[in-house]
Amino acid sequence: MSSIVSDEVECVTSVDTHAATHPFAVVAAATGAVLANATFPTSVGGLLRAQR
């Protein structure tokens, strides 16, 4: 197993947890380009939407 992330995976997912919202991002491992991002409320409905 390599210690270089981009040798192992294409994308990295990140979540920055906060009290009211959770911003998510999907980043290309090789380039650092943001491929997608979204912010969801911490409510049950928001967390269910984030799982899709």
Protein backbone atom coordinates (compact mmCIF):
# COMPACT_ATOMS: atom_id res chain seq x y z
CA MET A 1 0.00 0.00 0.00
CA SER A 2 1.34 3.40 -1.00
CA SER A 3 1.43 6.36 1.38
CA ILE A 4 0.35 8.63 -1.50
CA VAL A 5 -3.44 8.94 -1.44
CA SER A 6 -3.82 9.48 -5.20
CA ASP A 7 -2.05 6.13 -5.82
CA GLU A 8 -4.86 4.35 -3.97
CA VAL A 9 -8.11 6.28 -4.64
CA GLU A 10 -9.59 8.62 -7.23
CA CYS A 11 -11.61 10.79 -4.85
CA VAL A 12 -11.59 11.87 -1.23
CA THR A 13 -14.73 12.83 0.66
CA SER A 14 -14.61 15.40 3.44
CA VAL A 15 -17.20 16.52 5.98
CA ASP A 16 -16.77 19.54 8.24
CA THR A 17 -19.19 19.02 11.12
CA HIS A 18 -20.85 22.00 12.79
CA ALA A 19 -23.74 22.38 15.19
CA ALA A 20 -26.30 23.47 12.57
CA THR A 21 -24.88 22.23 9.24
CA HIS A 22 -22.50 19.67 7.74
CA PRO A 23 -20.68 20.85 4.58
CA PHE A 24 -19.54 17.94 2.38
CA ALA A 25 -16.98 17.98 -0.45
CA VAL A 26 -15.70 15.42 -2.94
CA VAL A 27 -12.15 16.19 -4.10
CA ALA A 28 -10.07 14.61 -6.89
CA ALA A 29 -7.15 12.96 -5.08
CA ALA A 30 -4.66 13.57 -7.90
CA THR A 31 -5.39 17.25 -8.47
CA GLY A 32 -7.21 18.58 -5.41
CA ALA A 33 -10.02 19.85 -7.66
CA VAL A 34 -13.40 20.08 -5.94
CA LEU A 35 -15.73 17.78 -7.89
CA ALA A 36 -18.86 18.38 -5.83
CA ASN A 37 -19.93 20.08 -2.64
CA ALA A 38 -23.11 20.56 -0.66
CA THR A 39 -24.21 21.64 2.79
CA PHE A 40 -26.93 19.87 4.74
CA PRO A 41 -28.66 20.75 8.01
CA THR A 42 -27.97 18.49 10.98
CA SER A 43 -31.66 17.56 11.20
CA VAL A 44 -32.81 14.00 10.49
CA GLY A 45 -34.08 15.12 7.07
CA GLY A 46 -30.81 16.83 6.21
CA LEU A 47 -28.75 13.81 7.20
CA LEU A 48 -31.00 11.50 5.16
CA ARG A 49 -30.53 13.78 2.11
CA ALA A 50 -26.75 13.71 2.62
CA GLN A 51 -26.75 9.90 2.45
CA ARG A 52 -28.18 9.86 -1.10
